[in-house]
């Protein structure tokens, strides 16, 4: 699809066994552990077919790195 698919976990948790991640599509590629801010278009009930269905997804996101994990090491 020509984009990076980033799975964000904000640590809020949820009911046991319930995923609490947000998926975004972007041309950027943040590093695992980075703290980021995103801006994009929010869609609900997006179905790409072939089993790729999302209750919520943010597409064409701009990503700003607020704190890089690399800076902390």
N, C-alpha and C. Protein backbone atom coordinates (compact mmCIF):
# COMPACT_ATOMS: atom_id res chain seq x y z
N UNK A 1 0.81 -1.19 0.00
CA UNK A 1 0.00 0.00 0.00
C UNK A 1 0.86 1.26 0.00
N UNK A 2 2.18 1.11 0.11
CA UNK A 2 3.08 2.25 0.00
C UNK A 2 3.16 3.14 1.22
N UNK A 3 2.67 2.68 2.35
CA UNK A 3 2.71 3.48 3.58
C UNK A 3 3.17 2.60 4.73
N UNK A 4 3.62 3.25 5.79
CA UNK A 4 3.95 2.54 7.02
C UNK A 4 2.69 2.43 7.87
N UNK A 5 2.50 1.27 8.44
CA UNK A 5 1.36 1.03 9.34
C UNK A 5 1.94 0.99 10.75
N UNK A 6 1.58 1.97 11.56
CA UNK A 6 2.14 2.11 12.90
C UNK A 6 1.04 1.79 13.91
N UNK A 7 1.37 0.92 14.86
CA UNK A 7 0.44 0.54 15.92
C UNK A 7 0.87 1.25 17.19
N UNK A 8 0.00 2.14 17.68
CA UNK A 8 0.32 2.95 18.85
C UNK A 8 -0.41 2.39 20.06
N UNK A 9 0.31 2.27 21.17
CA UNK A 9 -0.30 1.87 22.44
C UNK A 9 -0.07 3.00 23.42
N UNK A 10 -1.17 3.50 23.99
CA UNK A 10 -1.04 4.64 24.89
C UNK A 10 -0.98 4.25 26.36
N UNK A 11 -1.07 2.97 26.66
CA UNK A 11 -0.94 2.50 28.03
C UNK A 11 -2.19 2.63 28.87
N UNK A 12 -3.31 3.00 28.27
CA UNK A 12 -4.53 3.15 29.06
C UNK A 12 -5.15 1.82 29.44
N UNK A 13 -4.78 0.77 28.73
CA UNK A 13 -5.33 -0.54 29.03
C UNK A 13 -6.78 -0.66 28.61
N UNK A 14 -7.36 -1.75 28.98
CA UNK A 14 -8.75 -2.00 28.63
C UNK A 14 -9.19 -3.27 29.33
N UNK A 15 -10.34 -3.75 28.97
CA UNK A 15 -10.79 -5.02 29.53
C UNK A 15 -9.82 -6.11 29.10
N UNK A 16 -9.68 -7.11 29.93
CA UNK A 16 -8.75 -8.19 29.63
C UNK A 16 -9.01 -8.77 28.25
N UNK A 17 -7.95 -8.86 27.46
CA UNK A 17 -8.07 -9.42 26.13
C UNK A 17 -8.54 -8.44 25.07
N UNK A 18 -8.81 -7.20 25.47
CA UNK A 18 -9.27 -6.19 24.52
C UNK A 18 -8.07 -5.38 24.03
N UNK A 19 -7.83 -5.32 22.74
CA UNK A 19 -6.71 -4.53 22.26
C UNK A 19 -6.95 -3.04 22.52
N UNK A 20 -5.90 -2.35 22.89
CA UNK A 20 -6.01 -0.91 23.17
C UNK A 20 -5.00 -0.14 22.33
N UNK A 21 -4.88 -0.54 21.09
CA UNK A 21 -3.94 0.16 20.22
C UNK A 21 -4.69 0.94 19.16
N UNK A 22 -4.02 1.95 18.67
CA UNK A 22 -4.55 2.77 17.59
C UNK A 22 -3.63 2.57 16.39
N UNK A 23 -4.18 2.34 15.23
CA UNK A 23 -3.40 2.14 14.02
C UNK A 23 -3.43 3.43 13.20
N UNK A 24 -2.23 3.83 12.73
CA UNK A 24 -2.14 4.98 11.84
C UNK A 24 -1.38 4.56 10.59
N UNK A 25 -1.66 5.24 9.48
CA UNK A 25 -0.84 5.09 8.29
C UNK A 25 -0.09 6.40 8.10
N UNK A 26 1.17 6.28 7.66
CA UNK A 26 2.02 7.46 7.53
C UNK A 26 3.19 7.16 6.61
N UNK A 27 3.79 8.19 6.07
CA UNK A 27 5.03 8.04 5.32
C UNK A 27 6.23 8.06 6.25
N UNK A 28 6.04 8.55 7.48
CA UNK A 28 7.11 8.60 8.48
C UNK A 28 7.29 7.22 9.11
N UNK A 29 8.39 7.04 9.82
CA UNK A 29 8.62 5.78 10.52
C UNK A 29 9.22 6.07 11.90
N UNK A 30 8.36 6.29 12.90
CA UNK A 30 8.86 6.54 14.25
C UNK A 30 9.53 5.29 14.81
N UNK A 31 10.44 5.49 15.75
CA UNK A 31 11.14 4.37 16.39
C UNK A 31 10.31 3.85 17.56
N UNK A 32 10.39 2.54 17.82
CA UNK A 32 9.69 2.01 18.99
C UNK A 32 10.14 2.75 20.25
N UNK A 33 9.19 3.12 21.09
CA UNK A 33 9.50 3.81 22.33
C UNK A 33 9.48 5.32 22.23
N UNK A 34 9.44 5.87 21.02
CA UNK A 34 9.35 7.32 20.85
C UNK A 34 8.00 7.83 21.34
N UNK A 35 8.00 9.04 21.86
CA UNK A 35 6.75 9.73 22.19
C UNK A 35 6.46 10.63 21.00
N UNK A 36 5.28 10.44 20.39
CA UNK A 36 4.96 11.18 19.17
C UNK A 36 3.62 11.87 19.27
N UNK A 37 3.45 12.87 18.42
CA UNK A 37 2.14 13.50 18.20
C UNK A 37 1.79 13.24 16.75
N UNK A 38 0.52 12.96 16.49
CA UNK A 38 0.10 12.67 15.12
C UNK A 38 -1.06 13.56 14.73
N UNK A 39 -1.16 13.80 13.43
CA UNK A 39 -2.30 14.53 12.87
C UNK A 39 -2.65 13.85 11.56
N UNK A 40 -3.91 13.48 11.40
CA UNK A 40 -4.35 12.81 10.19
C UNK A 40 -5.87 12.79 10.12
N UNK A 41 -6.38 11.95 9.24
CA UNK A 41 -7.83 11.83 9.05
C UNK A 41 -8.33 10.58 9.76
N UNK A 42 -9.28 10.77 10.67
CA UNK A 42 -9.84 9.68 11.46
C UNK A 42 -11.00 9.04 10.70
N UNK A 43 -10.96 7.70 10.61
CA UNK A 43 -12.04 6.94 9.98
C UNK A 43 -12.55 5.90 10.97
N UNK A 44 -13.83 5.62 10.92
CA UNK A 44 -14.45 4.57 11.72
C UNK A 44 -14.91 3.45 10.79
N UNK A 45 -14.81 2.21 11.29
CA UNK A 45 -15.28 1.03 10.55
C UNK A 45 -14.69 0.96 9.14
N UNK A 46 -13.38 1.07 9.05
CA UNK A 46 -12.68 1.04 7.76
C UNK A 46 -12.35 -0.41 7.41
N UNK A 47 -12.76 -0.86 6.23
CA UNK A 47 -12.52 -2.22 5.78
C UNK A 47 -11.74 -2.17 4.47
N UNK A 48 -10.47 -2.61 4.52
CA UNK A 48 -9.61 -2.64 3.33
C UNK A 48 -9.75 -3.95 2.57
N UNK A 49 -10.50 -4.91 3.12
CA UNK A 49 -10.60 -6.22 2.51
C UNK A 49 -9.44 -7.10 2.95
N UNK A 50 -9.45 -8.35 2.56
CA UNK A 50 -8.40 -9.33 2.87
C UNK A 50 -8.13 -9.43 4.37
N UNK A 51 -9.15 -9.17 5.19
CA UNK A 51 -9.01 -9.30 6.64
C UNK A 51 -8.50 -8.06 7.35
N UNK A 52 -8.25 -6.99 6.63
CA UNK A 52 -7.77 -5.74 7.23
C UNK A 52 -8.96 -4.83 7.51
N UNK A 53 -9.51 -4.96 8.71
CA UNK A 53 -10.68 -4.17 9.12
C UNK A 53 -10.36 -3.51 10.45
N UNK A 54 -10.67 -2.24 10.54
CA UNK A 54 -10.34 -1.47 11.74
C UNK A 54 -11.58 -0.73 12.23
N UNK A 55 -11.82 -0.82 13.55
CA UNK A 55 -12.91 -0.03 14.14
C UNK A 55 -12.59 1.45 14.01
N UNK A 56 -11.31 1.79 14.25
CA UNK A 56 -10.83 3.17 14.15
C UNK A 56 -9.43 3.14 13.55
N UNK A 57 -9.16 4.05 12.63
CA UNK A 57 -7.83 4.18 12.03
C UNK A 57 -7.63 5.65 11.68
N UNK A 58 -6.39 6.12 11.81
CA UNK A 58 -6.04 7.47 11.39
C UNK A 58 -5.11 7.33 10.19
N UNK A 59 -5.55 7.87 9.04
CA UNK A 59 -4.79 7.71 7.80
C UNK A 59 -4.07 8.98 7.41
N UNK A 60 -3.02 8.79 6.59
CA UNK A 60 -2.22 9.89 6.04
C UNK A 60 -1.73 10.82 7.14
N UNK A 61 -1.20 10.21 8.19
CA UNK A 61 -0.79 10.96 9.38
C UNK A 61 0.55 11.64 9.20
N UNK A 62 0.62 12.86 9.74
CA UNK A 62 1.90 13.55 9.92
C UNK A 62 2.35 13.19 11.32
N UNK A 63 3.63 12.87 11.47
CA UNK A 63 4.15 12.44 12.76
C UNK A 63 5.22 13.42 13.23
N UNK A 64 5.09 13.89 14.47
CA UNK A 64 6.10 14.73 15.09
C UNK A 64 6.66 13.97 16.28
N UNK A 65 7.98 13.78 16.31
CA UNK A 65 8.61 13.11 17.44
C UNK A 65 8.82 14.11 18.56
N UNK A 66 8.19 13.87 19.70
CA UNK A 66 8.32 14.76 20.86
C UNK A 66 9.52 14.38 21.71
N UNK A 67 9.68 13.07 21.94
CA UNK A 67 10.82 12.55 22.69
C UNK A 67 11.27 11.27 22.01
N UNK A 68 12.54 11.23 21.65
CA UNK A 68 13.08 10.05 20.99
C UNK A 68 13.71 9.12 22.02
N UNK A 69 13.41 7.84 21.91
CA UNK A 69 14.03 6.86 22.80
C UNK A 69 15.54 6.88 22.63
N UNK A 70 16.01 7.16 21.42
CA UNK A 70 17.45 7.23 21.16
C UNK A 70 18.10 8.34 21.97
N UNK A 71 17.38 9.46 22.19
CA UNK A 71 17.91 10.59 22.96
C UNK A 71 18.08 10.22 24.42
N UNK A 72 17.26 9.30 24.92
CA UNK A 72 17.30 8.91 26.33
C UNK A 72 18.46 8.00 26.65
N UNK A 73 18.97 7.27 25.66
CA UNK A 73 20.05 6.29 25.89
C UNK A 73 21.40 6.93 25.90
